[in-house]
Amino acid sequence: MVKRLVFSKEYREVLLKRGKVTTIRRRPLASPGEHVDVYAGGEMVGRAMIEKIIEKKVSELSNVDARRDGFKNIKELKRALRKHYKDLDESSVIYVHFLKWIEQ
């Protein structure tokens, strides 16, 4: 069974345009090589393969990470992360999942 990678509706457009090639989560959601069905606001927007997962602290995130995740800069990314994860701070460990889009 294919796992689901679920996003808020607000990310639908960037996902459809494939402007998001990573997702940052509090724990690993799948293993590298696994396929996931990608949903935004309850609607399937595609299928991707998890290429790799990198463990980092929030303080180690950069503008490059932000752009890969569909944001303009690190400030915007951190604001979004704190919206989804209220207890997140600079020392929190997060997992950057690299996505390879395989189906629309």
PDB file of N, CA and C in Angstrom:
ATOM      1  N   MET A   1       0.834  -1.189   0.000  1.00  0.00           N
ATOM      2  CA  MET A   1       0.000   0.000   0.000  1.00  0.00           C
ATOM      3  C   MET A   1       0.879   1.254   0.000  1.00  0.00           C
ATOM      4  N   VAL A   2       0.546   2.194  -0.853  1.00  0.00           N
ATOM      5  CA  VAL A   2       1.319   3.431  -0.969  1.00  0.00           C
ATOM      6  C   VAL A   2       0.938   4.373   0.171  1.00  0.00           C
ATOM      7  N   LYS A   3       1.950   4.944   0.821  1.00  0.00           N
ATOM      8  CA  LYS A   3       1.702   5.893   1.904  1.00  0.00           C
ATOM      9  C   LYS A   3       1.234   7.227   1.343  1.00  0.00           C
ATOM     10  N   ARG A   4       0.573   7.997   2.202  1.00  0.00           N
ATOM     11  CA  ARG A   4       0.112   9.334   1.823  1.00  0.00           C
ATOM     12  C   ARG A   4       1.018  10.386   2.454  1.00  0.00           C
ATOM     13  N   LEU A   5       1.348  11.380   1.664  1.00  0.00           N
ATOM     14  CA  LEU A   5       2.069  12.550   2.140  1.00  0.00           C
ATOM     15  C   LEU A   5       1.064  13.695   2.066  1.00  0.00           C
ATOM     16  N   VAL A   6       0.640  14.203   3.217  1.00  0.00           N
ATOM     17  CA  VAL A   6      -0.474  15.129   3.292  1.00  0.00           C
ATOM     18  C   VAL A   6       0.001  16.550   3.593  1.00  0.00           C
ATOM     19  N   PHE A   7      -0.520  17.498   2.806  1.00  0.00           N
ATOM     20  CA  PHE A   7      -0.212  18.911   2.965  1.00  0.00           C
ATOM     21  C   PHE A   7      -1.501  19.694   3.167  1.00  0.00           C
ATOM     22  N   SER A   8      -1.378  20.862   3.748  1.00  0.00           N
ATOM     23  CA  SER A   8      -2.507  21.786   3.858  1.00  0.00           C
ATOM     24  C   SER A   8      -2.884  22.285   2.466  1.00  0.00           C
ATOM     25  N   LYS A   9      -4.124  22.712   2.331  1.00  0.00           N
ATOM     26  CA  LYS A   9      -4.649  23.216   1.061  1.00  0.00           C
ATOM     27  C   LYS A   9      -3.823  24.387   0.526  1.00  0.00           C
ATOM     28  N   GLU A  10      -3.245  25.172   1.424  1.00  0.00           N
ATOM     29  CA  GLU A  10      -2.477  26.350   1.000  1.00  0.00           C
ATOM     30  C   GLU A  10      -1.274  26.004   0.130  1.00  0.00           C
ATOM     31  N   TYR A  11      -0.815  24.754   0.167  1.00  0.00           N
ATOM     32  CA  TYR A  11       0.351  24.338  -0.629  1.00  0.00           C
ATOM     33  C   TYR A  11      -0.028  23.696  -1.959  1.00  0.00           C
ATOM     34  N   ARG A  12      -1.312  23.644  -2.262  1.00  0.00           N
ATOM     35  CA  ARG A  12      -1.792  22.954  -3.466  1.00  0.00           C
ATOM     36  C   ARG A  12      -1.129  23.476  -4.741  1.00  0.00           C
ATOM     37  N   GLU A  13      -1.141  24.790  -4.947  1.00  0.00           N
ATOM     38  CA  GLU A  13      -0.612  25.361  -6.191  1.00  0.00           C
ATOM     39  C   GLU A  13       0.878  25.101  -6.367  1.00  0.00           C
ATOM     40  N   VAL A  14       1.654  25.303  -5.313  1.00  0.00           N
ATOM     41  CA  VAL A  14       3.100  25.082  -5.431  1.00  0.00           C
ATOM     42  C   VAL A  14       3.392  23.602  -5.671  1.00  0.00           C
ATOM     43  N   LEU A  15       2.581  22.725  -5.101  1.00  0.00           N
ATOM     44  CA  LEU A  15       2.742  21.293  -5.347  1.00  0.00           C
ATOM     45  C   LEU A  15       2.385  20.949  -6.795  1.00  0.00           C
ATOM     46  N   LEU A  16       1.293  21.481  -7.295  1.00  0.00           N
ATOM     47  CA  LEU A  16       0.894  21.211  -8.678  1.00  0.00           C
ATOM     48  C   LEU A  16       1.927  21.716  -9.680  1.00  0.00           C
ATOM     49  N   LYS A  17       2.584  22.828  -9.353  1.00  0.00           N
ATOM     50  CA  LYS A  17       3.612  23.401 -10.237  1.00  0.00           C
ATOM     51  C   LYS A  17       4.970  22.746 -10.022  1.00  0.00           C
ATOM     52  N   ARG A  18       5.011  21.802  -9.081  1.00  0.00           N
ATOM     53  CA  ARG A  18       6.250  21.072  -8.723  1.00  0.00           C
ATOM     54  C   ARG A  18       7.337  22.017  -8.219  1.00  0.00           C
ATOM     55  N   GLY A  19       6.901  23.110  -7.583  1.00  0.00           N
ATOM     56  CA  GLY A  19       7.824  24.079  -7.003  1.00  0.00           C
ATOM     57  C   GLY A  19       8.303  23.669  -5.619  1.00  0.00           C
ATOM     58  N   LYS A  20       7.886  22.522  -5.175  1.00  0.00           N
ATOM     59  CA  LYS A  20       8.271  22.009  -3.857  1.00  0.00           C
ATOM     60  C   LYS A  20       8.915  20.652  -4.081  1.00  0.00           C
ATOM     61  N   VAL A  21      10.214  20.572  -3.855  1.00  0.00           N
ATOM     62  CA  VAL A  21      10.933  19.307  -4.060  1.00  0.00           C
ATOM     63  C   VAL A  21      11.428  18.718  -2.739  1.00  0.00           C
ATOM     64  N   THR A  22      11.068  19.378  -1.646  1.00  0.00           N
ATOM     65  CA  THR A  22      11.330  18.812  -0.316  1.00  0.00           C
ATOM     66  C   THR A  22      10.114  19.088   0.561  1.00  0.00           C
ATOM     67  N   THR A  23      10.042  18.344   1.634  1.00  0.00           N
ATOM     68  CA  THR A  23       9.108  18.653   2.703  1.00  0.00           C
ATOM     69  C   THR A  23       9.826  18.407   4.016  1.00  0.00           C
ATOM     70  N   ILE A  24       9.591  19.265   4.973  1.00  0.00           N
ATOM     71  CA  ILE A  24      10.263  19.181   6.266  1.00  0.00           C
ATOM     72  C   ILE A  24       9.252  18.719   7.305  1.00  0.00           C
ATOM     73  N   ARG A  25       9.589  17.656   7.994  1.00  0.00           N
ATOM     74  CA  ARG A  25       8.688  17.062   8.975  1.00  0.00           C
ATOM     75  C   ARG A  25       9.428  16.771  10.268  1.00  0.00           C
ATOM     76  N   ARG A  26       8.661  16.539  11.333  1.00  0.00           N
ATOM     77  CA  ARG A  26       9.240  16.258  12.656  1.00  0.00           C
ATOM     78  C   ARG A  26       9.774  14.844  12.778  1.00  0.00           C
ATOM     79  N   ARG A  27       9.352  13.963  11.877  1.00  0.00           N
ATOM     80  CA  ARG A  27       9.838  12.581  11.894  1.00  0.00           C
ATOM     81  C   ARG A  27       9.877  12.070  10.458  1.00  0.00           C
ATOM     82  N   PRO A  28      10.662  11.026  10.191  1.00  0.00           N
ATOM     83  CA  PRO A  28      10.652  10.445   8.847  1.00  0.00           C
ATOM     84  C   PRO A  28       9.276   9.859   8.544  1.00  0.00           C
ATOM     85  N   LEU A  29       8.756  10.125   7.357  1.00  0.00           N
ATOM     86  CA  LEU A  29       7.428   9.658   6.983  1.00  0.00           C
ATOM     87  C   LEU A  29       7.450   8.422   6.105  1.00  0.00           C
ATOM     88  N   ALA A  30       8.549   8.184   5.442  1.00  0.00           N
ATOM     89  CA  ALA A  30       8.713   7.035   4.550  1.00  0.00           C
ATOM     90  C   ALA A  30      10.216   6.792   4.417  1.00  0.00           C
ATOM     91  N   SER A  31      10.564   5.702   3.794  1.00  0.00           N
ATOM     92  CA  SER A  31      11.974   5.378   3.592  1.00  0.00           C
ATOM     93  C   SER A  31      12.412   5.811   2.199  1.00  0.00           C
ATOM     94  N   PRO A  32      13.703   6.129   2.041  1.00  0.00           N
ATOM     95  CA  PRO A  32      14.197   6.446   0.701  1.00  0.00           C
ATOM     96  C   PRO A  32      13.850   5.312  -0.273  1.00  0.00           C
ATOM     97  N   GLY A  33      13.389   5.709  -1.459  1.00  0.00           N
ATOM     98  CA  GLY A  33      12.979   4.746  -2.478  1.00  0.00           C
ATOM     99  C   GLY A  33      11.488   4.447  -2.465  1.00  0.00           C
ATOM    100  N   GLU A  34      10.813   4.785  -1.372  1.00  0.00           N
ATOM    101  CA  GLU A  34       9.368   4.549  -1.281  1.00  0.00           C
ATOM    102  C   GLU A  34       8.595   5.573  -2.093  1.00  0.00           C
ATOM    103  N   HIS A  35       7.493   5.116  -2.674  1.00  0.00           N
ATOM    104  CA  HIS A  35       6.578   6.011  -3.381  1.00  0.00           C
ATOM    105  C   HIS A  35       5.504   6.477  -2.407  1.00  0.00           C
ATOM    106  N   VAL A  36       5.077   7.727  -2.574  1.00  0.00           N
ATOM    107  CA  VAL A  36       4.018   8.295  -1.736  1.00  0.00           C
ATOM    108  C   VAL A  36       3.015   9.014  -2.631  1.00  0.00           C
ATOM    109  N   ASP A  37       1.743   8.902  -2.273  1.00  0.00           N
ATOM    110  CA  ASP A  37       0.706   9.693  -2.920  1.00  0.00           C
ATOM    111  C   ASP A  37       0.653  11.029  -2.193  1.00  0.00           C
ATOM    112  N   VAL A  38       0.692  12.121  -2.946  1.00  0.00           N
ATOM    113  CA  VAL A  38       0.767  13.458  -2.370  1.00  0.00           C
ATOM    114  C   VAL A  38      -0.623  14.108  -2.432  1.00  0.00           C
ATOM    115  N   TYR A  39      -1.094  14.569  -1.269  1.00  0.00           N
ATOM    116  CA  TYR A  39      -2.405  15.189  -1.138  1.00  0.00           C
ATOM    117  C   TYR A  39      -2.264  16.604  -0.598  1.00  0.00           C
ATOM    118  N   ALA A  40      -3.110  17.492  -1.085  1.00  0.00           N
ATOM    119  CA  ALA A  40      -3.194  18.859  -0.559  1.00  0.00           C
ATOM    120  C   ALA A  40      -4.666  19.203  -0.399  1.00  0.00           C
ATOM    121  N   GLY A  41      -5.072  19.519   0.808  1.00  0.00           N
ATOM    122  CA  GLY A  41      -6.463  19.854   1.066  1.00  0.00           C
ATOM    123  C   GLY A  41      -7.422  18.728   0.732  1.00  0.00           C
ATOM    124  N   GLY A  42      -6.982  17.494   0.907  1.00  0.00           N
ATOM    125  CA  GLY A  42      -7.824  16.337   0.653  1.00  0.00           C
ATOM    126  C   GLY A  42      -7.834  15.858  -0.789  1.00  0.00           C
ATOM    127  N   GLU A  43      -7.150  16.567  -1.682  1.00  0.00           N
ATOM    128  CA  GLU A  43      -7.118  16.216  -3.101  1.00  0.00           C
ATOM    129  C   GLU A  43      -5.742  15.674  -3.479  1.00  0.00           C
ATOM    130  N   MET A  44      -5.722  14.538  -4.193  1.00  0.00           N
ATOM    131  CA  MET A  44      -4.448  13.995  -4.648  1.00  0.00           C
ATOM    132  C   MET A  44      -3.886  14.903  -5.740  1.00  0.00           C
ATOM    133  N   VAL A  45      -2.624  15.312  -5.574  1.00  0.00           N
ATOM    134  CA  VAL A  45      -1.997  16.214  -6.539  1.00  0.00           C
ATOM    135  C   VAL A  45      -0.828  15.558  -7.270  1.00  0.00           C
ATOM    136  N   GLY A  46      -0.530  14.313  -6.945  1.00  0.00           N
ATOM    137  CA  GLY A  46       0.537  13.616  -7.637  1.00  0.00           C
ATOM    138  C   GLY A  46       1.110  12.483  -6.822  1.00  0.00           C
ATOM    139  N   ARG A  47       2.131  11.876  -7.399  1.00  0.00           N
ATOM    140  CA  ARG A  47       2.852  10.799  -6.729  1.00  0.00           C
ATOM    141  C   ARG A  47       4.341  11.136  -6.804  1.00  0.00           C
ATOM    142  N   ALA A  48       5.038  10.850  -5.731  1.00  0.00           N
ATOM    143  CA  ALA A  48       6.471  11.141  -5.679  1.00  0.00           C
ATOM    144  C   ALA A  48       7.211   9.963  -5.047  1.00  0.00           C
ATOM    145  N   MET A  49       8.502   9.959  -5.269  1.00  0.00           N
ATOM    146  CA  MET A  49       9.373   8.993  -4.607  1.00  0.00           C
ATOM    147  C   MET A  49      10.225   9.769  -3.605  1.00  0.00           C
ATOM    148  N   ILE A  50      10.415   9.214  -2.427  1.00  0.00           N
ATOM    149  CA  ILE A  50      11.318   9.813  -1.454  1.00  0.00           C
ATOM    150  C   ILE A  50      12.737   9.452  -1.886  1.00  0.00           C
ATOM    151  N   GLU A  51      13.505  10.431  -2.315  1.00  0.00           N
ATOM    152  CA  GLU A  51      14.877  10.176  -2.780  1.00  0.00           C
ATOM    153  C   GLU A  51      15.834   9.971  -1.615  1.00  0.00           C
ATOM    154  N   LYS A  52      15.717  10.867  -0.638  1.00  0.00           N
ATOM    155  CA  LYS A  52      16.575  10.766   0.555  1.00  0.00           C
ATOM    156  C   LYS A  52      15.956  11.578   1.661  1.00  0.00           C
ATOM    157  N   ILE A  53      16.430  11.333   2.871  1.00  0.00           N
ATOM    158  CA  ILE A  53      15.972  12.072   4.044  1.00  0.00           C
ATOM    159  C   ILE A  53      17.221  12.515   4.812  1.00  0.00           C
ATOM    160  N   ILE A  54      17.265  13.809   5.128  1.00  0.00           N
ATOM    161  CA  ILE A  54      18.395  14.362   5.871  1.00  0.00           C
ATOM    162  C   ILE A  54      17.898  14.898   7.206  1.00  0.00           C
ATOM    163  N   GLU A  55      18.559  14.490   8.271  1.00  0.00           N
ATOM    164  CA  GLU A  55      18.237  14.983   9.612  1.00  0.00           C
ATOM    165  C   GLU A  55      19.034  16.261   9.862  1.00  0.00           C
ATOM    166  N   LYS A  56      18.342  17.295  10.348  1.00  0.00           N
ATOM    167  CA  LYS A  56      18.987  18.580  10.654  1.00  0.00           C
ATOM    168  C   LYS A  56      18.323  19.186  11.872  1.00  0.00           C
ATOM    169  N   LYS A  57      18.993  20.182  12.420  1.00  0.00           N
ATOM    170  CA  LYS A  57      18.349  21.038  13.420  1.00  0.00           C
ATOM    171  C   LYS A  57      17.765  22.234  12.676  1.00  0.00           C
ATOM    172  N   VAL A  58      16.734  22.822  13.230  1.00  0.00           N
ATOM    173  CA  VAL A  58      16.118  23.996  12.612  1.00  0.00           C
ATOM    174  C   VAL A  58      17.175  25.075  12.361  1.00  0.00           C
ATOM    175  N   SER A  59      18.106  25.245  13.293  1.00  0.00           N
ATOM    176  CA  SER A  59      19.160  26.267  13.159  1.00  0.00           C
ATOM    177  C   SER A  59      20.064  26.023  11.958  1.00  0.00           C
ATOM    178  N   GLU A  60      20.081  24.813  11.423  1.00  0.00           N
ATOM    179  CA  GLU A  60      20.940  24.474  10.283  1.00  0.00           C
ATOM    180  C   GLU A  60      20.250  24.702   8.930  1.00  0.00           C
ATOM    181  N   LEU A  61      18.971  25.028   8.941  1.00  0.00           N
ATOM    182  CA  LEU A  61      18.262  25.278   7.690  1.00  0.00           C
ATOM    183  C   LEU A  61      18.776  26.557   7.034  1.00  0.00           C
ATOM    184  N   SER A  62      18.726  26.593   5.706  1.00  0.00           N
ATOM    185  CA  SER A  62      19.271  27.726   4.953  1.00  0.00           C
ATOM    186  C   SER A  62      18.249  28.240   3.937  1.00  0.00           C
ATOM    187  N   ASN A  63      18.616  29.310   3.242  1.00  0.00           N
ATOM    188  CA  ASN A  63      17.781  29.825   2.160  1.00  0.00           C
ATOM    189  C   ASN A  63      17.628  28.797   1.037  1.00  0.00           C
ATOM    190  N   VAL A  64      18.657  27.977   0.814  1.00  0.00           N
ATOM    191  CA  VAL A  64      18.573  26.910  -0.196  1.00  0.00           C
ATOM    192  C   VAL A  64      17.486  25.920   0.211  1.00  0.00           C
ATOM    193  N   ASP A  65      17.476  25.531   1.489  1.00  0.00           N
ATOM    194  CA  ASP A  65      16.422  24.636   1.982  1.00  0.00           C
ATOM    195  C   ASP A  65      15.048  25.275   1.787  1.00  0.00           C
ATOM    196  N   ALA A  66      14.939  26.552   2.066  1.00  0.00           N
ATOM    197  CA  ALA A  66      13.664  27.259   1.945  1.00  0.00           C
ATOM    198  C   ALA A  66      13.165  27.230   0.503  1.00  0.00           C
ATOM    199  N   ARG A  67      14.041  27.533  -0.456  1.00  0.00           N
ATOM    200  CA  ARG A  67      13.638  27.547  -1.863  1.00  0.00           C
ATOM    201  C   ARG A  67      13.242  26.145  -2.341  1.00  0.00           C
ATOM    202  N   ARG A  68      13.963  25.120  -1.922  1.00  0.00           N
ATOM    203  CA  ARG A  68      13.599  23.740  -2.289  1.00  0.00           C
ATOM    204  C   ARG A  68      12.210  23.388  -1.761  1.00  0.00           C
ATOM    205  N   ASP A  69      11.861  23.983  -0.623  1.00  0.00           N
ATOM    206  CA  ASP A  69      10.584  23.684   0.025  1.00  0.00           C
ATOM    207  C   ASP A  69       9.460  24.607  -0.464  1.00  0.00           C
ATOM    208  N   GLY A  70       9.765  25.451  -1.455  1.00  0.00           N
ATOM    209  CA  GLY A  70       8.727  26.289  -2.057  1.00  0.00           C
ATOM    210  C   GLY A  70       8.556  27.658  -1.417  1.00  0.00           C
ATOM    211  N   PHE A  71       9.517  28.082  -0.591  1.00  0.00           N
ATOM    212  CA  PHE A  71       9.447  29.376   0.082  1.00  0.00           C
ATOM    213  C   PHE A  71      10.495  30.325  -0.490  1.00  0.00           C
ATOM    214  N   LYS A  72      10.284  31.628  -0.286  1.00  0.00           N
ATOM    215  CA  LYS A  72      11.208  32.639  -0.811  1.00  0.00           C
ATOM    216  C   LYS A  72      12.510  32.699  -0.030  1.00  0.00           C
ATOM    217  N   ASN A  73      12.416  32.499   1.297  1.00  0.00           N
ATOM    218  CA  ASN A  73      13.616  32.623   2.137  1.00  0.00           C
ATOM    219  C   ASN A  73      13.429  31.849   3.440  1.00  0.00           C
ATOM    220  N   ILE A  74      14.477  31.791   4.221  1.00  0.00           N
ATOM    221  CA  ILE A  74      14.483  31.013   5.454  1.00  0.00           C
ATOM    222  C   ILE A  74      13.487  31.561   6.481  1.00  0.00           C
ATOM    223  N   LYS A  75      13.309  32.866   6.501  1.00  0.00           N
ATOM    224  CA  LYS A  75      12.360  33.474   7.447  1.00  0.00           C
ATOM    225  C   LYS A  75      10.939  32.979   7.169  1.00  0.00           C
ATOM    226  N   GLU A  76      10.569  32.949   5.894  1.00  0.00           N
ATOM    227  CA  GLU A  76       9.245  32.470   5.484  1.00  0.00           C
ATOM    228  C   GLU A  76       9.074  30.980   5.833  1.00  0.00           C
ATOM    229  N   LEU A  77      10.108  30.199   5.573  1.00  0.00           N
ATOM    230  CA  LEU A  77      10.068  28.767   5.885  1.00  0.00           C
ATOM    231  C   LEU A  77       9.883  28.529   7.380  1.00  0.00           C
ATOM    232  N   LYS A  78      10.682  29.208   8.189  1.00  0.00           N
ATOM    233  CA  LYS A  78      10.594  29.010   9.642  1.00  0.00           C
ATOM    234  C   LYS A  78       9.234  29.461  10.179  1.00  0.00           C
ATOM    235  N   ARG A  79       8.685  30.517   9.623  1.00  0.00           N
ATOM    236  CA  ARG A  79       7.351  30.975  10.035  1.00  0.00           C
ATOM    237  C   ARG A  79       6.316  29.874   9.753  1.00  0.00           C
ATOM    238  N   ALA A  80       6.401  29.264   8.574  1.00  0.00           N
ATOM    239  CA  ALA A  80       5.468  28.188   8.210  1.00  0.00           C
ATOM    240  C   ALA A  80       5.667  26.966   9.099  1.00  0.00           C
ATOM    241  N   LEU A  81       6.911  26.609   9.376  1.00  0.00           N
ATOM    242  CA  LEU A  81       7.177  25.455  10.244  1.00  0.00           C
ATOM    243  C   LEU A  81       6.600  25.668  11.636  1.00  0.00           C
ATOM    244  N   ARG A  82       6.764  26.879  12.164  1.00  0.00           N
ATOM    245  CA  ARG A  82       6.248  27.165  13.515  1.00  0.00           C
ATOM    246  C   ARG A  82       4.721  27.197  13.547  1.00  0.00           C
ATOM    247  N   LYS A  83       4.114  27.504  12.407  1.00  0.00           N
ATOM    248  CA  LYS A  83       2.654  27.459  12.309  1.00  0.00           C
ATOM    249  C   LYS A  83       2.154  26.018  12.440  1.00  0.00           C
ATOM    250  N   HIS A  84       2.883  25.093  11.824  1.00  0.00           N
ATOM    251  CA  HIS A  84       2.485  23.682  11.847  1.00  0.00           C
ATOM    252  C   HIS A  84       2.969  22.954  13.101  1.00  0.00           C
ATOM    253  N   TYR A  85       4.101  23.366  13.627  1.00  0.00           N
ATOM    254  CA  TYR A  85       4.697  22.716  14.799  1.00  0.00           C
ATOM    255  C   TYR A  85       4.934  23.785  15.867  1.00  0.00           C
ATOM    256  N   LYS A  86       3.968  23.974  16.725  1.00  0.00           N
ATOM    257  CA  LYS A  86       3.981  25.069  17.710  1.00  0.00           C
ATOM    258  C   LYS A  86       5.184  25.037  18.658  1.00  0.00           C
ATOM    259  N   ASP A  87       5.677  23.850  18.984  1.00  0.00           N
ATOM    260  CA  ASP A  87       6.765  23.722  19.957  1.00  0.00           C
ATOM    261  C   ASP A  87       8.156  23.743  19.315  1.00  0.00           C
ATOM    262  N   LEU A  88       8.242  24.061  18.031  1.00  0.00           N
ATOM    263  CA  LEU A  88       9.512  24.060  17.308  1.00  0.00           C
ATOM    264  C   LEU A  88      10.405  25.208  17.765  1.00  0.00           C
ATOM    265  N   ASP A  89      11.685  24.915  17.998  1.00  0.00           N
ATOM    266  CA  ASP A  89      12.663  25.974  18.267  1.00  0.00           C
ATOM    267  C   ASP A  89      13.927  25.675  17.472  1.00  0.00           C
ATOM    268  N   GLU A  90      14.927  26.526  17.597  1.00  0.00           N
ATOM    269  CA  GLU A  90      16.150  26.408  16.791  1.00  0.00           C
ATOM    270  C   GLU A  90      16.907  25.099  17.028  1.00  0.00           C
ATOM    271  N   SER A  91      16.728  24.488  18.194  1.00  0.00           N
ATOM    272  CA  SER A  91      17.443  23.238  18.495  1.00  0.00           C
ATOM    273  C   SER A  91      16.633  21.993  18.123  1.00  0.00           C
ATOM    274  N   SER A  92      15.403  22.178  17.659  1.00  0.00           N
ATOM    275  CA  SER A  92      14.550  21.038  17.295  1.00  0.00           C
ATOM    276  C   SER A  92      15.139  20.283  16.103  1.00  0.00           C
ATOM    277  N   VAL A  93      15.036  18.967  16.152  1.00  0.00           N
ATOM    278  CA  VAL A  93      15.480  18.115  15.051  1.00  0.00           C
ATOM    279  C   VAL A  93      14.305  17.945  14.089  1.00  0.00           C
ATOM    280  N   ILE A  94      14.605  18.123  12.805  1.00  0.00           N
ATOM    281  CA  ILE A  94      13.606  17.951  11.758  1.00  0.00           C
ATOM    282  C   ILE A  94      14.203  17.044  10.675  1.00  0.00           C
ATOM    283  N   TYR A  95      13.352  16.561   9.784  1.00  0.00           N
ATOM    284  CA  TYR A  95      13.781  15.662   8.716  1.00  0.00           C
ATOM    285  C   TYR A  95      13.373  16.251   7.379  1.00  0.00           C
ATOM    286  N   VAL A  96      14.367  16.499   6.531  1.00  0.00           N
ATOM    287  CA  VAL A  96      14.130  17.052   5.200  1.00  0.00           C
ATOM    288  C   VAL A  96      13.984  15.876   4.238  1.00  0.00           C
ATOM    289  N   HIS A  97      12.788  15.711   3.703  1.00  0.00           N
ATOM    290  CA  HIS A  97      12.486  14.647   2.744  1.00  0.00           C
ATOM    291  C   HIS A  97      12.634  15.212   1.332  1.00  0.00           C
ATOM    292  N   PHE A  98      13.504  14.632   0.529  1.00  0.00           N
ATOM    293  CA  PHE A  98      13.694  15.054  -0.858  1.00  0.00           C
ATOM    294  C   PHE A  98      12.758  14.241  -1.741  1.00  0.00           C
ATOM    295  N   LEU A  99      11.958  14.949  -2.555  1.00  0.00           N
ATOM    296  CA  LEU A  99      10.952  14.316  -3.392  1.00  0.00           C
ATOM    297  C   LEU A  99      11.367  14.306  -4.854  1.00  0.00           C
ATOM    298  N   LYS A 100      11.102  13.202  -5.516  1.00  0.00           N
ATOM    299  CA  LYS A 100      11.235  13.135  -6.971  1.00  0.00           C
ATOM    300  C   LYS A 100       9.832  12.871  -7.492  1.00  0.00           C
ATOM    301  N   TRP A 101       9.269  13.853  -8.197  1.00  0.00           N
ATOM    302  CA  TRP A 101       7.916  13.715  -8.732  1.00  0.00           C
ATOM    303  C   TRP A 101       7.902  12.692  -9.829  1.00  0.00           C
ATOM    304  N   ILE A 102       6.957  11.730  -9.763  1.00  0.00           N
ATOM    305  CA  ILE A 102       6.904  10.683 -10.784  1.00  0.00           C
ATOM    306  C   ILE A 102       5.583  10.646 -11.534  1.00  0.00           C
ATOM    307  N   GLU A 103       4.528  11.263 -10.976  1.00  0.00           N
ATOM    308  CA  GLU A 103       3.227  11.297 -11.652  1.00  0.00           C
ATOM    309  C   GLU A 103       2.487  12.562 -11.284  1.00  0.00           C
ATOM    310  N   GLN A 104       1.693  13.051 -12.221  1.00  0.00           N
ATOM    311  CA  GLN A 104       0.815  14.203 -11.957  1.00  0.00           C
ATOM    312  C   GLN A 104      -0.424  13.719 -11.261  1.00  0.00           C
TER     313      GLN A 104
END
